[in-house]
């Protein structure tokens, strides 16, 4: 049996890819002047999505293949308060979809990309409180 065959092992894999996205977003922010803000926001959204899915996997809750954070957040058990406003969920969901394609979005200001990373870190910190330590270790 591989680690991914257990809820904790699979949650750990989701956490690892969520952390990769968050590190990528933070790394891209360091570019400042030439920062690809759309890519930063995409990776921030992906980190949030994957952390939420890690929690759902840990709690053995099935979820659909979707980037829609409203839909995913509705599946989170009531004992977990996801620190995302409706506007943040809407905006992040747009980063995963229309912000990735030509004509789908206006250029994203640097401060907005910084904010997306801050939101992703806030969600990470809260979700990690509800995951077992074995899902968080490298």
N, C-alpha and C. Protein backbone atom coordinates (compact mmCIF):
# COMPACT_ATOMS: atom_id res chain seq x y z
N UNK A 1 0.85 -1.18 0.00
CA UNK A 1 0.00 0.00 0.00
C UNK A 1 0.90 1.24 0.00
N UNK A 2 0.67 2.13 -0.94
CA UNK A 2 1.45 3.36 -0.99
C UNK A 2 0.82 4.40 -0.07
N UNK A 3 1.59 5.45 0.22
CA UNK A 3 1.10 6.52 1.09
C UNK A 3 -0.16 7.17 0.51
N UNK A 4 -0.24 7.21 -0.81
CA UNK A 4 -1.40 7.84 -1.44
C UNK A 4 -2.67 7.00 -1.30
N UNK A 5 -2.53 5.78 -0.80
CA UNK A 5 -3.69 4.92 -0.62
C UNK A 5 -4.43 5.21 0.69
N UNK A 6 -3.90 6.09 1.51
CA UNK A 6 -4.56 6.49 2.75
C UNK A 6 -5.03 7.93 2.61
N UNK A 7 -6.08 8.30 3.35
CA UNK A 7 -6.51 9.71 3.29
C UNK A 7 -5.40 10.68 3.68
N UNK A 8 -4.61 10.31 4.68
CA UNK A 8 -3.52 11.18 5.12
C UNK A 8 -2.44 11.29 4.04
N UNK A 9 -2.12 10.17 3.39
CA UNK A 9 -1.12 10.19 2.34
C UNK A 9 -1.57 10.99 1.13
N UNK A 10 -2.82 10.84 0.77
CA UNK A 10 -3.35 11.60 -0.36
C UNK A 10 -3.45 13.08 0.00
N UNK A 11 -3.86 13.38 1.22
CA UNK A 11 -3.91 14.78 1.67
C UNK A 11 -2.51 15.38 1.62
N UNK A 12 -1.52 14.60 2.00
CA UNK A 12 -0.14 15.08 1.97
C UNK A 12 0.29 15.43 0.54
N UNK A 13 -0.11 14.61 -0.43
CA UNK A 13 0.21 14.90 -1.83
C UNK A 13 -0.46 16.19 -2.28
N UNK A 14 -1.72 16.41 -1.89
CA UNK A 14 -2.40 17.66 -2.22
C UNK A 14 -1.69 18.85 -1.57
N UNK A 15 -1.26 18.69 -0.33
CA UNK A 15 -0.53 19.76 0.36
C UNK A 15 0.77 20.07 -0.37
N UNK A 16 1.49 19.05 -0.79
CA UNK A 16 2.76 19.27 -1.49
C UNK A 16 2.57 20.08 -2.77
N UNK A 17 1.55 19.75 -3.56
CA UNK A 17 1.35 20.50 -4.80
C UNK A 17 0.79 21.90 -4.51
N UNK A 18 0.01 22.03 -3.43
CA UNK A 18 -0.47 23.36 -3.01
C UNK A 18 0.70 24.24 -2.61
N UNK A 19 1.65 23.67 -1.88
CA UNK A 19 2.84 24.42 -1.47
C UNK A 19 3.70 24.78 -2.67
N UNK A 20 3.80 23.88 -3.65
CA UNK A 20 4.55 24.20 -4.87
C UNK A 20 3.94 25.42 -5.57
N UNK A 21 2.62 25.46 -5.65
CA UNK A 21 1.96 26.61 -6.28
C UNK A 21 2.20 27.89 -5.49
N UNK A 22 2.14 27.80 -4.17
CA UNK A 22 2.36 28.99 -3.35
C UNK A 22 3.80 29.48 -3.47
N UNK A 23 4.75 28.55 -3.49
CA UNK A 23 6.16 28.94 -3.67
C UNK A 23 6.38 29.56 -5.05
N UNK A 24 5.75 29.02 -6.07
CA UNK A 24 5.87 29.58 -7.42
C UNK A 24 5.33 31.00 -7.46
N UNK A 25 4.18 31.22 -6.86
CA UNK A 25 3.58 32.56 -6.83
C UNK A 25 4.50 33.54 -6.11
N UNK A 26 5.02 33.14 -4.96
CA UNK A 26 5.91 34.02 -4.19
C UNK A 26 7.20 34.30 -4.96
N UNK A 27 7.73 33.29 -5.63
CA UNK A 27 8.95 33.47 -6.42
C UNK A 27 8.71 34.47 -7.55
N UNK A 28 7.60 34.33 -8.24
CA UNK A 28 7.29 35.24 -9.34
C UNK A 28 7.09 36.68 -8.86
N UNK A 29 6.58 36.85 -7.65
CA UNK A 29 6.40 38.20 -7.10
C UNK A 29 7.73 38.93 -6.96
N UNK A 30 8.80 38.18 -6.78
CA UNK A 30 10.12 38.79 -6.62
C UNK A 30 10.59 39.51 -7.88
N UNK A 31 9.93 39.27 -9.00
CA UNK A 31 10.31 39.91 -10.26
C UNK A 31 9.96 41.40 -10.28
N UNK A 32 9.06 41.85 -9.41
CA UNK A 32 8.59 43.23 -9.30
C UNK A 32 8.24 43.84 -10.65
N UNK A 33 9.17 44.53 -11.31
CA UNK A 33 8.87 45.26 -12.53
C UNK A 33 8.35 44.34 -13.64
N UNK A 34 8.99 43.22 -13.84
CA UNK A 34 8.60 42.30 -14.91
C UNK A 34 7.73 41.16 -14.40
N UNK A 35 7.09 41.35 -13.28
CA UNK A 35 6.31 40.28 -12.65
C UNK A 35 5.13 39.86 -13.53
N UNK A 36 5.03 38.57 -13.82
CA UNK A 36 3.86 38.06 -14.56
C UNK A 36 2.69 37.89 -13.58
N UNK A 37 1.98 38.98 -13.34
CA UNK A 37 0.97 39.00 -12.29
C UNK A 37 -0.16 37.99 -12.53
N UNK A 38 -0.50 37.75 -13.77
CA UNK A 38 -1.52 36.75 -14.06
C UNK A 38 -1.09 35.37 -13.59
N UNK A 39 0.17 35.05 -13.80
CA UNK A 39 0.69 33.75 -13.36
C UNK A 39 0.73 33.68 -11.84
N UNK A 40 1.09 34.77 -11.19
CA UNK A 40 1.10 34.82 -9.72
C UNK A 40 -0.30 34.51 -9.20
N UNK A 41 -1.29 35.20 -9.76
CA UNK A 41 -2.67 35.02 -9.30
C UNK A 41 -3.18 33.62 -9.59
N UNK A 42 -2.81 33.07 -10.74
CA UNK A 42 -3.20 31.69 -11.06
C UNK A 42 -2.64 30.73 -10.03
N UNK A 43 -1.35 30.85 -9.71
CA UNK A 43 -0.74 29.93 -8.74
C UNK A 43 -1.30 30.14 -7.34
N UNK A 44 -1.65 31.36 -6.99
CA UNK A 44 -2.29 31.61 -5.69
C UNK A 44 -3.64 30.90 -5.63
N UNK A 45 -4.42 31.02 -6.70
CA UNK A 45 -5.71 30.33 -6.74
C UNK A 45 -5.52 28.82 -6.64
N UNK A 46 -4.55 28.31 -7.38
CA UNK A 46 -4.31 26.87 -7.36
C UNK A 46 -3.92 26.39 -5.96
N UNK A 47 -3.14 27.17 -5.26
CA UNK A 47 -2.77 26.80 -3.90
C UNK A 47 -4.01 26.72 -3.00
N UNK A 48 -4.87 27.72 -3.08
CA UNK A 48 -6.10 27.71 -2.29
C UNK A 48 -6.95 26.50 -2.64
N UNK A 49 -7.15 26.29 -3.92
CA UNK A 49 -7.97 25.16 -4.37
C UNK A 49 -7.41 23.83 -3.86
N UNK A 50 -6.13 23.65 -3.96
CA UNK A 50 -5.51 22.38 -3.57
C UNK A 50 -5.49 22.20 -2.06
N UNK A 51 -5.34 23.28 -1.31
CA UNK A 51 -5.44 23.14 0.15
C UNK A 51 -6.86 22.73 0.55
N UNK A 52 -7.86 23.33 -0.07
CA UNK A 52 -9.24 22.95 0.23
C UNK A 52 -9.47 21.48 -0.12
N UNK A 53 -8.94 21.05 -1.24
CA UNK A 53 -9.11 19.66 -1.66
C UNK A 53 -8.34 18.71 -0.74
N UNK A 54 -7.20 19.15 -0.21
CA UNK A 54 -6.47 18.33 0.77
C UNK A 54 -7.34 18.09 2.00
N UNK A 55 -8.01 19.12 2.45
CA UNK A 55 -8.91 18.98 3.60
C UNK A 55 -10.05 18.03 3.28
N UNK A 56 -10.64 18.19 2.10
CA UNK A 56 -11.75 17.31 1.71
C UNK A 56 -11.30 15.86 1.61
N UNK A 57 -10.12 15.63 1.06
CA UNK A 57 -9.58 14.27 0.97
C UNK A 57 -9.38 13.70 2.37
N UNK A 58 -8.80 14.50 3.25
CA UNK A 58 -8.57 14.05 4.63
C UNK A 58 -9.88 13.68 5.32
N UNK A 59 -10.94 14.42 5.02
CA UNK A 59 -12.24 14.16 5.64
C UNK A 59 -13.08 13.16 4.84
N UNK A 60 -12.48 12.58 3.79
CA UNK A 60 -13.15 11.60 2.93
C UNK A 60 -14.42 12.16 2.29
N UNK A 61 -14.33 13.39 1.82
CA UNK A 61 -15.44 14.05 1.15
C UNK A 61 -15.11 14.14 -0.34
N UNK A 62 -15.95 13.54 -1.16
CA UNK A 62 -15.75 13.60 -2.60
C UNK A 62 -15.99 15.01 -3.11
N UNK A 63 -15.27 15.37 -4.16
CA UNK A 63 -15.44 16.69 -4.77
C UNK A 63 -15.32 16.56 -6.28
N UNK A 64 -16.00 17.46 -7.00
CA UNK A 64 -15.94 17.41 -8.46
C UNK A 64 -14.65 18.03 -8.98
N UNK A 65 -14.33 17.72 -10.22
CA UNK A 65 -13.22 18.39 -10.89
C UNK A 65 -13.69 19.78 -11.26
N UNK A 66 -13.25 20.77 -10.50
CA UNK A 66 -13.66 22.14 -10.75
C UNK A 66 -12.63 23.09 -10.15
N UNK A 67 -12.58 24.29 -10.70
CA UNK A 67 -11.76 25.36 -10.12
C UNK A 67 -12.63 26.34 -9.34
N UNK A 68 -13.93 26.11 -9.33
CA UNK A 68 -14.88 27.02 -8.71
C UNK A 68 -14.78 26.94 -7.18
N UNK A 69 -14.19 27.97 -6.59
CA UNK A 69 -13.97 27.95 -5.14
C UNK A 69 -15.26 28.04 -4.34
N UNK A 70 -16.31 28.64 -4.88
CA UNK A 70 -17.60 28.62 -4.20
C UNK A 70 -18.09 27.18 -4.06
N UNK A 71 -18.02 26.45 -5.16
CA UNK A 71 -18.49 25.07 -5.17
C UNK A 71 -17.67 24.21 -4.22
N UNK A 72 -16.36 24.37 -4.24
CA UNK A 72 -15.49 23.58 -3.37
C UNK A 72 -15.70 23.96 -1.91
N UNK A 73 -15.80 25.24 -1.63
CA UNK A 73 -15.95 25.70 -0.25
C UNK A 73 -17.25 25.21 0.37
N UNK A 74 -18.30 25.09 -0.42
CA UNK A 74 -19.58 24.58 0.09
C UNK A 74 -19.46 23.15 0.63
N UNK A 75 -18.45 22.42 0.18
CA UNK A 75 -18.27 21.04 0.63
C UNK A 75 -17.49 20.93 1.94
N UNK A 76 -16.86 22.01 2.35
CA UNK A 76 -16.04 22.01 3.57
C UNK A 76 -16.95 21.86 4.78
N UNK A 77 -16.61 20.94 5.68
CA UNK A 77 -17.45 20.74 6.88
C UNK A 77 -17.58 22.03 7.71
N UNK A 78 -18.69 22.13 8.42
CA UNK A 78 -19.02 23.32 9.19
C UNK A 78 -18.06 23.66 10.31
N UNK A 79 -17.27 22.69 10.76
CA UNK A 79 -16.32 22.98 11.85
C UNK A 79 -15.07 23.70 11.35
N UNK A 80 -14.96 23.88 10.03
CA UNK A 80 -13.82 24.58 9.45
C UNK A 80 -14.33 25.89 8.83
N UNK A 81 -13.81 26.99 9.32
CA UNK A 81 -14.17 28.29 8.76
C UNK A 81 -13.10 28.66 7.74
N UNK A 82 -13.49 28.66 6.47
CA UNK A 82 -12.55 29.01 5.40
C UNK A 82 -12.48 30.54 5.33
N UNK A 83 -11.29 31.10 5.53
CA UNK A 83 -11.16 32.56 5.58
C UNK A 83 -11.13 33.21 4.20
N UNK A 84 -12.24 33.07 3.49
CA UNK A 84 -12.38 33.66 2.16
C UNK A 84 -13.73 34.34 2.06
N UNK A 85 -13.73 35.58 1.67
CA UNK A 85 -15.00 36.27 1.42
C UNK A 85 -15.56 35.79 0.08
N UNK A 86 -16.82 36.09 -0.15
CA UNK A 86 -17.44 35.74 -1.43
C UNK A 86 -16.69 36.42 -2.57
N UNK A 87 -16.27 37.66 -2.37
CA UNK A 87 -15.52 38.38 -3.42
C UNK A 87 -14.17 37.73 -3.67
N UNK A 88 -13.49 37.30 -2.62
CA UNK A 88 -12.19 36.63 -2.80
C UNK A 88 -12.37 35.31 -3.53
N UNK A 89 -13.40 34.56 -3.21
CA UNK A 89 -13.66 33.30 -3.92
C UNK A 89 -13.93 33.56 -5.39
N UNK A 90 -14.75 34.57 -5.67
CA UNK A 90 -15.08 34.91 -7.06
C UNK A 90 -13.84 35.32 -7.83
N UNK A 91 -13.06 36.21 -7.24
CA UNK A 91 -11.86 36.73 -7.90
C UNK A 91 -10.84 35.62 -8.14
N UNK A 92 -10.58 34.81 -7.12
CA UNK A 92 -9.62 33.72 -7.28
C UNK A 92 -10.08 32.73 -8.35
N UNK A 93 -11.36 32.43 -8.37
CA UNK A 93 -11.88 31.52 -9.39
C UNK A 93 -11.63 32.09 -10.78
N UNK A 94 -11.81 33.39 -10.93
CA UNK A 94 -11.53 34.01 -12.23
C UNK A 94 -10.05 33.90 -12.60
N UNK A 95 -9.16 33.96 -11.62
CA UNK A 95 -7.73 33.81 -11.91
C UNK A 95 -7.43 32.43 -12.48
N UNK A 96 -8.20 31.45 -12.09
CA UNK A 96 -7.96 30.08 -12.57
C UNK A 96 -8.51 29.87 -13.97
N UNK A 97 -9.39 30.74 -14.39
CA UNK A 97 -10.04 30.53 -15.69
C UNK A 97 -9.74 31.68 -16.64
N UNK A 98 -10.51 32.72 -16.60
CA UNK A 98 -10.40 33.78 -17.62
C UNK A 98 -9.09 34.55 -17.58
N UNK A 99 -8.44 34.64 -16.45
CA UNK A 99 -7.18 35.39 -16.39
C UNK A 99 -6.05 34.69 -17.12
N UNK A 100 -6.23 33.44 -17.48
CA UNK A 100 -5.19 32.66 -18.14
C UNK A 100 -5.20 32.76 -19.65
N UNK A 101 -6.22 33.40 -20.21
CA UNK A 101 -6.36 33.40 -21.65
C UNK A 101 -6.42 34.81 -22.21
N UNK A 102 -5.96 35.00 -23.45
CA UNK A 102 -6.00 36.33 -24.06
C UNK A 102 -7.43 36.87 -24.11
N UNK A 103 -7.56 38.15 -23.84
CA UNK A 103 -8.85 38.80 -23.91
C UNK A 103 -9.78 38.50 -22.75
N UNK A 104 -9.34 37.68 -21.83
CA UNK A 104 -10.21 37.29 -20.73
C UNK A 104 -10.11 38.17 -19.51
N UNK A 105 -9.11 39.07 -19.48
CA UNK A 105 -8.86 39.81 -18.25
C UNK A 105 -8.02 41.03 -18.56
N UNK A 106 -8.23 42.08 -17.81
CA UNK A 106 -7.36 43.25 -17.89
C UNK A 106 -6.05 42.91 -17.19
N UNK A 107 -4.97 43.61 -17.49
CA UNK A 107 -3.73 43.36 -16.76
C UNK A 107 -3.95 43.49 -15.25
N UNK A 108 -3.36 42.60 -14.51
CA UNK A 108 -3.54 42.57 -13.06
C UNK A 108 -2.44 43.40 -12.41
N UNK A 109 -2.81 44.39 -11.61
CA UNK A 109 -1.80 45.22 -10.94
C UNK A 109 -0.97 44.39 -9.95
N UNK A 110 0.26 44.82 -9.75
CA UNK A 110 1.18 44.12 -8.85
C UNK A 110 0.58 43.98 -7.46
N UNK A 111 -0.02 45.04 -6.93
CA UNK A 111 -0.57 44.97 -5.56
C UNK A 111 -1.69 43.94 -5.46
N UNK A 112 -2.42 43.73 -6.54
CA UNK A 112 -3.47 42.72 -6.53
C UNK A 112 -2.86 41.31 -6.49
N UNK A 113 -1.77 41.13 -7.21
CA UNK A 113 -1.08 39.84 -7.17
C UNK A 113 -0.53 39.58 -5.77
N UNK A 114 0.01 40.62 -5.14
CA UNK A 114 0.49 40.48 -3.76
C UNK A 114 -0.67 40.06 -2.85
N UNK A 115 -1.81 40.69 -3.04
CA UNK A 115 -2.99 40.36 -2.24
C UNK A 115 -3.44 38.92 -2.43
N UNK A 116 -3.36 38.43 -3.65
CA UNK A 116 -3.76 37.04 -3.93
C UNK A 116 -2.86 36.07 -3.17
N UNK A 117 -1.57 36.38 -3.11
CA UNK A 117 -0.64 35.51 -2.38
C UNK A 117 -0.93 35.59 -0.88
N UNK A 118 -1.24 36.77 -0.38
CA UNK A 118 -1.59 36.90 1.04
C UNK A 118 -2.84 36.09 1.37
N UNK A 119 -3.82 36.11 0.50
CA UNK A 119 -5.04 35.32 0.71
C UNK A 119 -4.69 33.83 0.72
N UNK A 120 -3.86 33.40 -0.21
CA UNK A 120 -3.46 31.99 -0.27
C UNK A 120 -2.74 31.57 1.01
N UNK A 121 -1.90 32.43 1.53
CA UNK A 121 -1.20 32.11 2.79
C UNK A 121 -2.18 32.03 3.95
N UNK A 122 -3.16 32.91 3.98
CA UNK A 122 -4.17 32.90 5.04
C UNK A 122 -4.97 31.60 5.01
N UNK A 123 -5.37 31.19 3.81
CA UNK A 123 -6.12 29.94 3.67
C UNK A 123 -5.25 28.76 4.07
N UNK A 124 -4.00 28.75 3.60
CA UNK A 124 -3.08 27.66 3.97
C UNK A 124 -2.98 27.53 5.48
N UNK A 125 -2.76 28.64 6.16
CA UNK A 125 -2.57 28.61 7.61
C UNK A 125 -3.81 28.04 8.31
N UNK A 126 -4.99 28.42 7.86
CA UNK A 126 -6.22 27.93 8.49
C UNK A 126 -6.45 26.46 8.19
N UNK A 127 -6.27 26.06 6.95
CA UNK A 127 -6.51 24.66 6.58
C UNK A 127 -5.51 23.75 7.28
N UNK A 128 -4.27 24.19 7.42
CA UNK A 128 -3.27 23.36 8.09
C UNK A 128 -3.65 23.06 9.54
N UNK A 129 -4.42 23.93 10.15
CA UNK A 129 -4.90 23.68 11.53
C UNK A 129 -5.80 22.46 11.59
N UNK A 130 -6.38 22.08 10.46
CA UNK A 130 -7.36 20.98 10.42
C UNK A 130 -6.82 19.73 9.74
N UNK A 131 -5.54 19.72 9.44
CA UNK A 131 -4.91 18.55 8.83
C UNK A 131 -3.98 17.89 9.83
N UNK A 132 -3.82 16.56 9.75
CA UNK A 132 -2.90 15.89 10.65
C UNK A 132 -1.45 16.26 10.33
N UNK A 133 -0.62 16.21 11.33
CA UNK A 133 0.80 16.57 11.15
C UNK A 133 1.45 15.75 10.04
N UNK A 134 1.08 14.48 9.92
CA UNK A 134 1.69 13.64 8.89
C UNK A 134 1.38 14.11 7.48
N UNK A 135 0.32 14.89 7.30
CA UNK A 135 -0.02 15.43 5.97
C UNK A 135 0.77 16.70 5.67
N UNK A 136 1.43 17.25 6.67
CA UNK A 136 2.13 18.52 6.50
C UNK A 136 3.65 18.36 6.40
N UNK A 137 4.17 17.24 6.77
CA UNK A 137 5.63 17.03 6.77
C UNK A 137 6.12 16.70 5.37
N UNK A 138 7.33 17.17 5.05
CA UNK A 138 7.95 16.82 3.76
C UNK A 138 8.56 15.44 3.82
